[in-house]
């Protein structure tokens, strides 16, 4: 049975039969490849801990009739810190879902592979949301759908202030061309500058990008809607991230309410003394 080497990142897993596992690798040289790991779900399997989601692995794959089979695997990086924090986990899931939805089987995209690896590595210690937004922008670049943010997509006129953003046309529109897309949404100048920065920056300089909560929400919303329009799908990981954020906000609100109650109670006691 012919074999070949593959260096890849685990972007999806699923159970197969009683003890096997389907593993989707996004590979440096082979693109997206789904393979079978025989017996991977057994307690004493040699694959235990080696094919975890997000892991960067080097594998020896055997060519099969319907699915190639994992013969050997070694872990280059586990990115274990991504699994220790819900925010990091959520945005890492967002990154691998984007790769899965935006790439075809066995079409190499080495630049996108390197961007994914850089994003997962930086998310371990950096701001996962900003890094996730940067990777989303890189997916658009690699897919050929990078939007224009500083010039009208129709006439090329420079746009320096807030402007209408067209998902269908692929970027901002000047006032004269805004009627070309009735569904275009308004974007602030700050959000457009931030998206432009994300599109054209290297990951090492992302710490320089400072966004307040309002700007984060606007940039995230614009990129999400544009990605979903281009990929023609809803991104499930973003729904999970919103739930995590909502749970945290509810928890924080509850904590503030309890603390406020304690302060009020202490004040009352003091008043009666």
C-alpha atoms as a PDB file:
ATOM      1  CA  UNK A   1       0.000   0.000   0.000  1.00  0.00           C
ATOM      2  CA  UNK A   2       1.594   3.342  -1.063  1.00  0.00           C
ATOM      3  CA  UNK A   3       2.335   5.828   1.709  1.00  0.00           C
ATOM      4  CA  UNK A   4       3.118   9.547   1.790  1.00  0.00           C
ATOM      5  CA  UNK A   5       4.128  12.146   4.367  1.00  0.00           C
ATOM      6  CA  UNK A   6       1.819  14.938   5.430  1.00  0.00           C
ATOM      7  CA  UNK A   7       2.303  17.888   7.752  1.00  0.00           C
ATOM      8  CA  UNK A   8      -1.007  19.291   8.863  1.00  0.00           C
ATOM      9  CA  UNK A   9      -3.265  20.819  11.495  1.00  0.00           C
ATOM     10  CA  UNK A  10      -6.292  18.914  12.797  1.00  0.00           C
ATOM     11  CA  UNK A  11      -9.322  21.022  11.876  1.00  0.00           C
ATOM     12  CA  UNK A  12     -12.133  18.493  12.369  1.00  0.00           C
ATOM     13  CA  UNK A  13     -12.789  15.117  13.981  1.00  0.00           C
ATOM     14  CA  UNK A  14     -15.701  12.657  13.938  1.00  0.00           C
ATOM     15  CA  UNK A  15     -16.349   9.134  15.115  1.00  0.00           C
ATOM     16  CA  UNK A  16     -16.208   6.309  12.592  1.00  0.00           C
ATOM     17  CA  UNK A  17     -17.625   2.893  13.409  1.00  0.00           C
ATOM     18  CA  UNK A  18     -17.094   1.487  16.899  1.00  0.00           C
ATOM     19  CA  UNK A  19     -13.463   2.428  17.503  1.00  0.00           C
ATOM     20  CA  UNK A  20     -12.146   4.458  14.574  1.00  0.00           C
ATOM     21  CA  UNK A  21     -12.015   8.205  14.022  1.00  0.00           C
ATOM     22  CA  UNK A  22     -12.304  10.432  10.968  1.00  0.00           C
ATOM     23  CA  UNK A  23      -9.724  13.203  11.094  1.00  0.00           C
ATOM     24  CA  UNK A  24      -9.586  16.164   8.732  1.00  0.00           C
ATOM     25  CA  UNK A  25      -6.109  17.623   8.328  1.00  0.00           C
ATOM     26  CA  UNK A  26      -5.301  20.925   6.690  1.00  0.00           C
ATOM     27  CA  UNK A  27      -1.914  20.097   5.221  1.00  0.00           C
ATOM     28  CA  UNK A  28       0.960  22.276   4.125  1.00  0.00           C
ATOM     29  CA  UNK A  29       1.491  20.421   0.838  1.00  0.00           C
ATOM     30  CA  UNK A  30      -1.764  18.531   0.264  1.00  0.00           C
ATOM     31  CA  UNK A  31      -4.497  20.933   1.343  1.00  0.00           C
ATOM     32  CA  UNK A  32      -7.522  19.546   3.179  1.00  0.00           C
ATOM     33  CA  UNK A  33      -7.422  15.770   3.588  1.00  0.00           C
ATOM     34  CA  UNK A  34      -9.832  13.569   5.549  1.00  0.00           C
ATOM     35  CA  UNK A  35      -8.271  10.330   6.786  1.00  0.00           C
ATOM     36  CA  UNK A  36      -9.198   7.369   8.969  1.00  0.00           C
ATOM     37  CA  UNK A  37      -7.374   6.682  12.227  1.00  0.00           C
ATOM     38  CA  UNK A  38      -8.033   2.998  12.900  1.00  0.00           C
ATOM     39  CA  UNK A  39      -8.675   2.172  16.549  1.00  0.00           C
ATOM     40  CA  UNK A  40      -8.033   5.784  17.616  1.00  0.00           C
ATOM     41  CA  UNK A  41     -10.881   5.716  20.157  1.00  0.00           C
ATOM     42  CA  UNK A  42      -9.518   2.710  22.024  1.00  0.00           C
ATOM     43  CA  UNK A  43      -7.942   3.455  25.397  1.00  0.00           C
ATOM     44  CA  UNK A  44      -4.620   1.868  24.450  1.00  0.00           C
ATOM     45  CA  UNK A  45      -4.466   3.231  20.904  1.00  0.00           C
ATOM     46  CA  UNK A  46      -1.122   4.583  19.768  1.00  0.00           C
ATOM     47  CA  UNK A  47      -3.010   7.649  18.522  1.00  0.00           C
ATOM     48  CA  UNK A  48      -4.289   8.709  21.961  1.00  0.00           C
ATOM     49  CA  UNK A  49      -3.444  12.396  22.480  1.00  0.00           C
ATOM     50  CA  UNK A  50      -1.840  12.695  19.055  1.00  0.00           C
ATOM     51  CA  UNK A  51      -4.775  13.731  16.886  1.00  0.00           C
ATOM     52  CA  UNK A  52      -6.444  16.353  19.078  1.00  0.00           C
ATOM     53  CA  UNK A  53      -8.287  19.282  17.535  1.00  0.00           C
ATOM     54  CA  UNK A  54      -5.917  22.167  16.643  1.00  0.00           C
ATOM     55  CA  UNK A  55      -2.792  19.978  16.951  1.00  0.00           C
ATOM     56  CA  UNK A  56      -0.002  20.467  14.427  1.00  0.00           C
ATOM     57  CA  UNK A  57       1.121  16.985  13.386  1.00  0.00           C
ATOM     58  CA  UNK A  58       3.428  15.176  11.016  1.00  0.00           C
ATOM     59  CA  UNK A  59       1.889  11.981   9.746  1.00  0.00           C
ATOM     60  CA  UNK A  60       2.581   9.042   7.488  1.00  0.00           C
ATOM     61  CA  UNK A  61      -0.567   8.286   5.498  1.00  0.00           C
ATOM     62  CA  UNK A  62      -1.365   5.113   3.607  1.00  0.00           C
ATOM     63  CA  UNK A  63      -3.413   5.403   0.427  1.00  0.00           C
ATOM     64  CA  UNK A  64      -6.727   3.559   0.810  1.00  0.00           C
ATOM     65  CA  UNK A  65      -9.596   2.662  -1.491  1.00  0.00           C
ATOM     66  CA  UNK A  66     -12.009   5.256  -0.181  1.00  0.00           C
ATOM     67  CA  UNK A  67     -10.102   6.930   2.653  1.00  0.00           C
ATOM     68  CA  UNK A  68      -6.418   7.265   3.303  1.00  0.00           C
ATOM     69  CA  UNK A  69      -5.346   5.786   6.634  1.00  0.00           C
ATOM     70  CA  UNK A  70      -3.082   7.172   9.345  1.00  0.00           C
ATOM     71  CA  UNK A  71      -0.100   4.864   9.656  1.00  0.00           C
ATOM     72  CA  UNK A  72       2.120   6.925  11.966  1.00  0.00           C
ATOM     73  CA  UNK A  73       1.827  10.343  13.587  1.00  0.00           C
ATOM     74  CA  UNK A  74       4.016  12.611  15.682  1.00  0.00           C
ATOM     75  CA  UNK A  75       2.932  15.870  17.310  1.00  0.00           C
ATOM     76  CA  UNK A  76       4.818  19.020  16.364  1.00  0.00           C
ATOM     77  CA  UNK A  77       2.701  21.328  18.563  1.00  0.00           C
ATOM     78  CA  UNK A  78      -0.373  20.698  20.704  1.00  0.00           C
ATOM     79  CA  UNK A  79      -1.402  24.326  21.314  1.00  0.00           C
ATOM     80  CA  UNK A  80      -2.685  23.031  24.645  1.00  0.00           C
ATOM     81  CA  UNK A  81      -3.351  26.501  26.078  1.00  0.00           C
ATOM     82  CA  UNK A  82      -6.181  26.932  23.584  1.00  0.00           C
ATOM     83  CA  UNK A  83      -8.175  24.272  25.459  1.00  0.00           C
ATOM     84  CA  UNK A  84      -7.705  25.894  28.869  1.00  0.00           C
ATOM     85  CA  UNK A  85      -9.748  29.039  28.218  1.00  0.00           C
ATOM     86  CA  UNK A  86     -13.203  29.329  26.651  1.00  0.00           C
ATOM     87  CA  UNK A  87     -12.390  32.488  24.686  1.00  0.00           C
ATOM     88  CA  UNK A  88      -9.244  30.983  23.188  1.00  0.00           C
ATOM     89  CA  UNK A  89     -11.075  27.740  22.464  1.00  0.00           C
ATOM     90  CA  UNK A  90     -13.931  29.594  20.782  1.00  0.00           C
ATOM     91  CA  UNK A  91     -11.761  31.668  18.467  1.00  0.00           C
ATOM     92  CA  UNK A  92      -9.509  28.698  17.648  1.00  0.00           C
ATOM     93  CA  UNK A  93     -12.664  26.806  16.634  1.00  0.00           C
ATOM     94  CA  UNK A  94     -13.642  29.829  14.539  1.00  0.00           C
ATOM     95  CA  UNK A  95     -10.272  29.712  12.739  1.00  0.00           C
ATOM     96  CA  UNK A  96     -10.419  26.015  11.859  1.00  0.00           C
ATOM     97  CA  UNK A  97     -14.071  26.287  10.816  1.00  0.00           C
ATOM     98  CA  UNK A  98     -13.120  29.083   8.425  1.00  0.00           C
ATOM     99  CA  UNK A  99     -10.440  26.890   6.872  1.00  0.00           C
ATOM    100  CA  UNK A 100     -12.846  23.976   6.578  1.00  0.00           C
ATOM    101  CA  UNK A 101     -15.555  26.096   4.929  1.00  0.00           C
ATOM    102  CA  UNK A 102     -13.289  28.095   2.615  1.00  0.00           C
ATOM    103  CA  UNK A 103     -11.084  25.356   1.140  1.00  0.00           C
ATOM    104  CA  UNK A 104     -11.695  22.442  -1.207  1.00  0.00           C
ATOM    105  CA  UNK A 105     -10.295  18.949  -0.701  1.00  0.00           C
ATOM    106  CA  UNK A 106      -6.690  18.402  -1.720  1.00  0.00           C
ATOM    107  CA  UNK A 107      -6.061  21.921  -2.985  1.00  0.00           C
ATOM    108  CA  UNK A 108      -2.785  23.092  -1.395  1.00  0.00           C
ATOM    109  CA  UNK A 109      -2.801  26.536   0.194  1.00  0.00           C
ATOM    110  CA  UNK A 110       0.560  26.792   1.955  1.00  0.00           C
ATOM    111  CA  UNK A 111       0.238  30.497   2.793  1.00  0.00           C
ATOM    112  CA  UNK A 112      -3.119  29.894   4.466  1.00  0.00           C
ATOM    113  CA  UNK A 113      -1.617  26.956   6.379  1.00  0.00           C
ATOM    114  CA  UNK A 114       1.133  29.207   7.724  1.00  0.00           C
ATOM    115  CA  UNK A 115      -1.409  31.875   8.662  1.00  0.00           C
ATOM    116  CA  UNK A 116      -3.508  29.300  10.532  1.00  0.00           C
ATOM    117  CA  UNK A 117      -0.520  27.987  12.418  1.00  0.00           C
ATOM    118  CA  UNK A 118       0.562  31.512  13.340  1.00  0.00           C
ATOM    119  CA  UNK A 119      -2.964  32.378  14.509  1.00  0.00           C
ATOM    120  CA  UNK A 120      -3.291  29.292  16.720  1.00  0.00           C
ATOM    121  CA  UNK A 121       0.134  29.920  18.230  1.00  0.00           C
ATOM    122  CA  UNK A 122      -0.567  33.608  18.953  1.00  0.00           C
ATOM    123  CA  UNK A 123      -4.003  32.860  20.421  1.00  0.00           C
ATOM    124  CA  UNK A 124      -2.343  30.949  23.240  1.00  0.00           C
ATOM    125  CA  UNK A 125      -1.099  34.155  24.856  1.00  0.00           C
ATOM    126  CA  UNK A 126      -2.446  37.062  22.800  1.00  0.00           C
ATOM    127  CA  UNK A 127      -5.884  38.610  22.354  1.00  0.00           C
ATOM    128  CA  UNK A 128      -7.888  35.752  20.780  1.00  0.00           C
ATOM    129  CA  UNK A 129     -10.570  37.998  19.306  1.00  0.00           C
ATOM    130  CA  UNK A 130      -8.163  40.325  17.501  1.00  0.00           C
ATOM    131  CA  UNK A 131      -6.122  37.360  16.261  1.00  0.00           C
ATOM    132  CA  UNK A 132      -9.315  35.622  15.143  1.00  0.00           C
ATOM    133  CA  UNK A 133     -10.373  38.733  13.219  1.00  0.00           C
ATOM    134  CA  UNK A 134      -6.917  38.929  11.639  1.00  0.00           C
ATOM    135  CA  UNK A 135      -7.170  35.311  10.511  1.00  0.00           C
ATOM    136  CA  UNK A 136     -10.664  35.916   9.116  1.00  0.00           C
ATOM    137  CA  UNK A 137      -9.186  38.750   7.054  1.00  0.00           C
ATOM    138  CA  UNK A 138      -6.415  36.447   5.839  1.00  0.00           C
ATOM    139  CA  UNK A 139      -8.974  33.871   4.723  1.00  0.00           C
ATOM    140  CA  UNK A 140     -10.579  36.583   2.596  1.00  0.00           C
ATOM    141  CA  UNK A 141      -7.173  37.515   1.145  1.00  0.00           C
ATOM    142  CA  UNK A 142      -6.276  33.919   0.310  1.00  0.00           C
ATOM    143  CA  UNK A 143      -9.738  33.284  -1.163  1.00  0.00           C
ATOM    144  CA  UNK A 144      -9.534  36.317  -3.439  1.00  0.00           C
ATOM    145  CA  UNK A 145     -12.393  38.106  -1.665  1.00  0.00           C
ATOM    146  CA  UNK A 146     -10.475  40.797   0.232  1.00  0.00           C
ATOM    147  CA  UNK A 147     -12.800  43.822   0.400  1.00  0.00           C
ATOM    148  CA  UNK A 148     -11.765  47.347  -0.471  1.00  0.00           C
ATOM    149  CA  UNK A 149     -11.828  49.618   2.568  1.00  0.00           C
ATOM    150  CA  UNK A 150     -10.276  52.902   1.376  1.00  0.00           C
ATOM    151  CA  UNK A 151     -11.614  53.360  -2.157  1.00  0.00           C
ATOM    152  CA  UNK A 152     -14.972  52.913  -3.850  1.00  0.00           C
ATOM    153  CA  UNK A 153     -15.300  49.405  -5.205  1.00  0.00           C
ATOM    154  CA  UNK A 154     -17.101  50.741  -8.308  1.00  0.00           C
ATOM    155  CA  UNK A 155     -15.310  53.930  -9.367  1.00  0.00           C
ATOM    156  CA  UNK A 156     -12.098  53.814  -7.307  1.00  0.00           C
ATOM    157  CA  UNK A 157     -12.684  57.196  -5.654  1.00  0.00           C
ATOM    158  CA  UNK A 158     -10.830  57.444  -2.307  1.00  0.00           C
ATOM    159  CA  UNK A 159     -13.032  57.000   0.752  1.00  0.00           C
ATOM    160  CA  UNK A 160     -11.660  58.631   3.886  1.00  0.00           C
ATOM    161  CA  UNK A 161     -14.698  58.765   6.143  1.00  0.00           C
ATOM    162  CA  UNK A 162     -17.376  56.271   7.050  1.00  0.00           C
ATOM    163  CA  UNK A 163     -19.045  54.716   4.026  1.00  0.00           C
ATOM    164  CA  UNK A 164     -21.540  52.120   2.866  1.00  0.00           C
ATOM    165  CA  UNK A 165     -20.077  48.597   2.822  1.00  0.00           C
ATOM    166  CA  UNK A 166     -21.417  46.250   0.145  1.00  0.00           C
ATOM    167  CA  UNK A 167     -21.181  42.504   0.718  1.00  0.00           C
ATOM    168  CA  UNK A 168     -22.347  41.813  -2.825  1.00  0.00           C
ATOM    169  CA  UNK A 169     -19.890  44.184  -4.542  1.00  0.00           C
ATOM    170  CA  UNK A 170     -16.991  43.483  -2.204  1.00  0.00           C
ATOM    171  CA  UNK A 171     -16.184  46.702  -0.387  1.00  0.00           C
ATOM    172  CA  UNK A 172     -17.027  50.311   0.295  1.00  0.00           C
ATOM    173  CA  UNK A 173     -19.074  52.557  -1.951  1.00  0.00           C
ATOM    174  CA  UNK A 174     -18.853  56.316  -2.389  1.00  0.00           C
ATOM    175  CA  UNK A 175     -22.014  58.411  -2.071  1.00  0.00           C
ATOM    176  CA  UNK A 176     -22.512  58.461  -5.841  1.00  0.00           C
ATOM    177  CA  UNK A 177     -22.352  54.672  -6.175  1.00  0.00           C
ATOM    178  CA  UNK A 178     -24.167  53.744  -2.969  1.00  0.00           C
ATOM    179  CA  UNK A 179     -27.495  53.211  -4.831  1.00  0.00           C
ATOM    180  CA  UNK A 180     -25.870  50.311  -6.712  1.00  0.00           C
ATOM    181  CA  UNK A 181     -26.452  48.132  -3.637  1.00  0.00           C
ATOM    182  CA  UNK A 182     -29.566  48.922  -1.564  1.00  0.00           C
ATOM    183  CA  UNK A 183     -28.440  46.293   0.981  1.00  0.00           C
ATOM    184  CA  UNK A 184     -25.109  47.996   1.716  1.00  0.00           C
ATOM    185  CA  UNK A 185     -24.578  48.792   5.411  1.00  0.00           C
ATOM    186  CA  UNK A 186     -22.907  51.834   6.907  1.00  0.00           C
ATOM    187  CA  UNK A 187     -19.431  51.322   8.369  1.00  0.00           C
ATOM    188  CA  UNK A 188     -17.542  53.829  10.475  1.00  0.00           C
ATOM    189  CA  UNK A 189     -14.178  55.209   9.400  1.00  0.00           C
ATOM    190  CA  UNK A 190     -12.530  53.517  12.388  1.00  0.00           C
ATOM    191  CA  UNK A 191     -13.951  50.100  11.501  1.00  0.00           C
ATOM    192  CA  UNK A 192     -12.848  50.420   7.875  1.00  0.00           C
ATOM    193  CA  UNK A 193      -9.325  51.402   8.924  1.00  0.00           C
ATOM    194  CA  UNK A 194      -9.191  48.455  11.314  1.00  0.00           C
ATOM    195  CA  UNK A 195     -10.286  45.990   8.631  1.00  0.00           C
ATOM    196  CA  UNK A 196      -7.708  47.442   6.244  1.00  0.00           C
ATOM    197  CA  UNK A 197      -5.050  46.970   8.921  1.00  0.00           C
ATOM    198  CA  UNK A 198      -6.116  43.349   9.494  1.00  0.00           C
ATOM    199  CA  UNK A 199      -6.019  42.615   5.770  1.00  0.00           C
ATOM    200  CA  UNK A 200      -2.499  43.905   5.217  1.00  0.00           C
ATOM    201  CA  UNK A 201      -0.655  43.335   8.512  1.00  0.00           C
ATOM    202  CA  UNK A 202       1.677  40.565   9.601  1.00  0.00           C
ATOM    203  CA  UNK A 203       0.634  38.738  12.781  1.00  0.00           C
ATOM    204  CA  UNK A 204       3.626  40.013  14.740  1.00  0.00           C
ATOM    205  CA  UNK A 205       2.251  43.574  14.792  1.00  0.00           C
ATOM    206  CA  UNK A 206      -1.320  42.816  15.852  1.00  0.00           C
ATOM    207  CA  UNK A 207      -0.626  44.032  19.382  1.00  0.00           C
ATOM    208  CA  UNK A 208      -0.486  47.558  17.951  1.00  0.00           C
ATOM    209  CA  UNK A 209      -4.155  47.400  16.972  1.00  0.00           C
ATOM    210  CA  UNK A 210      -6.246  48.806  19.822  1.00  0.00           C
ATOM    211  CA  UNK A 211     -10.021  48.512  19.510  1.00  0.00           C
ATOM    212  CA  UNK A 212     -12.601  49.521  22.095  1.00  0.00           C
ATOM    213  CA  UNK A 213     -15.632  47.235  22.669  1.00  0.00           C
ATOM    214  CA  UNK A 214     -17.819  49.174  20.222  1.00  0.00           C
ATOM    215  CA  UNK A 215     -15.200  48.970  17.460  1.00  0.00           C
ATOM    216  CA  UNK A 216     -14.638  45.267  18.123  1.00  0.00           C
ATOM    217  CA  UNK A 217     -18.349  44.595  17.764  1.00  0.00           C
ATOM    218  CA  UNK A 218     -18.581  46.591  14.532  1.00  0.00           C
ATOM    219  CA  UNK A 219     -15.499  45.047  12.902  1.00  0.00           C
ATOM    220  CA  UNK A 220     -16.560  41.555  13.970  1.00  0.00           C
ATOM    221  CA  UNK A 221     -20.067  42.068  12.594  1.00  0.00           C
ATOM    222  CA  UNK A 222     -18.857  43.407   9.246  1.00  0.00           C
ATOM    223  CA  UNK A 223     -16.363  40.567   8.748  1.00  0.00           C
ATOM    224  CA  UNK A 224     -18.817  37.909   9.873  1.00  0.00           C
ATOM    225  CA  UNK A 225     -21.575  39.017   7.511  1.00  0.00           C
ATOM    226  CA  UNK A 226     -19.140  39.393   4.625  1.00  0.00           C
ATOM    227  CA  UNK A 227     -17.599  35.956   5.232  1.00  0.00           C
ATOM    228  CA  UNK A 228     -21.003  34.293   5.493  1.00  0.00           C
ATOM    229  CA  UNK A 229     -22.104  36.014   2.287  1.00  0.00           C
ATOM    230  CA  UNK A 230     -19.022  34.851   0.390  1.00  0.00           C
ATOM    231  CA  UNK A 231     -18.937  31.338   1.870  1.00  0.00           C
ATOM    232  CA  UNK A 232     -22.725  30.986   1.586  1.00  0.00           C
ATOM    233  CA  UNK A 233     -23.022  29.498   5.063  1.00  0.00           C
ATOM    234  CA  UNK A 234     -23.611  30.402   8.699  1.00  0.00           C
ATOM    235  CA  UNK A 235     -20.538  30.099  10.901  1.00  0.00           C
ATOM    236  CA  UNK A 236     -21.477  27.896  13.857  1.00  0.00           C
ATOM    237  CA  UNK A 237     -18.435  28.752  15.962  1.00  0.00           C
ATOM    238  CA  UNK A 238     -19.441  32.427  16.123  1.00  0.00           C
ATOM    239  CA  UNK A 239     -22.796  31.431  17.586  1.00  0.00           C
ATOM    240  CA  UNK A 240     -20.943  29.513  20.309  1.00  0.00           C
ATOM    241  CA  UNK A 241     -18.693  32.530  20.978  1.00  0.00           C
ATOM    242  CA  UNK A 242     -21.761  34.753  21.394  1.00  0.00           C
ATOM    243  CA  UNK A 243     -23.232  32.303  23.908  1.00  0.00           C
ATOM    244  CA  UNK A 244     -19.966  32.268  25.877  1.00  0.00           C
ATOM    245  CA  UNK A 245     -19.897  36.068  25.879  1.00  0.00           C
ATOM    246  CA  UNK A 246     -23.530  36.254  26.943  1.00  0.00           C
ATOM    247  CA  UNK A 247     -22.977  33.797  29.802  1.00  0.00           C
ATOM    248  CA  UNK A 248     -19.989  35.828  31.013  1.00  0.00           C
ATOM    249  CA  UNK A 249     -21.936  39.095  30.893  1.00  0.00           C
ATOM    250  CA  UNK A 250     -24.806  37.539  32.832  1.00  0.00           C
ATOM    251  CA  UNK A 251     -22.353  36.228  35.399  1.00  0.00           C
ATOM    252  CA  UNK A 252     -20.681  39.619  35.735  1.00  0.00           C
ATOM    253  CA  UNK A 253     -24.058  41.318  36.101  1.00  0.00           C
ATOM    254  CA  UNK A 254     -25.017  38.841  38.822  1.00  0.00           C
ATOM    255  CA  UNK A 255     -21.747  39.432  40.642  1.00  0.00           C
ATOM    256  CA  UNK A 256     -22.230  43.209  40.516  1.00  0.00           C
ATOM    257  CA  UNK A 257     -25.764  42.806  41.832  1.00  0.00           C
ATOM    258  CA  UNK A 258     -24.598  40.641  44.730  1.00  0.00           C
ATOM    259  CA  UNK A 259     -21.773  43.035  45.583  1.00  0.00           C
ATOM    260  CA  UNK A 260     -24.170  45.959  45.428  1.00  0.00           C
ATOM    261  CA  UNK A 261     -26.518  44.125  47.781  1.00  0.00           C
ATOM    262  CA  UNK A 262     -23.710  43.474  50.244  1.00  0.00           C
ATOM    263  CA  UNK A 263     -22.691  47.132  50.189  1.00  0.00           C
ATOM    264  CA  UNK A 264     -26.290  48.233  50.713  1.00  0.00           C
ATOM    265  CA  UNK A 265     -26.693  45.794  53.596  1.00  0.00           C
ATOM    266  CA  UNK A 266     -23.534  47.013  55.319  1.00  0.00           C
ATOM    267  CA  UNK A 267     -24.635  50.616  54.872  1.00  0.00           C
ATOM    268  CA  UNK A 268     -27.993  49.854  56.470  1.00  0.00           C
ATOM    269  CA  UNK A 269     -26.405  48.269  59.515  1.00  0.00           C
ATOM    270  CA  UNK A 270     -24.122  51.257  59.933  1.00  0.00           C
ATOM    271  CA  UNK A 271     -27.078  53.593  59.668  1.00  0.00           C
ATOM    272  CA  UNK A 272     -28.960  51.910  62.483  1.00  0.00           C
ATOM    273  CA  UNK A 273     -25.947  51.914  64.765  1.00  0.00           C
END
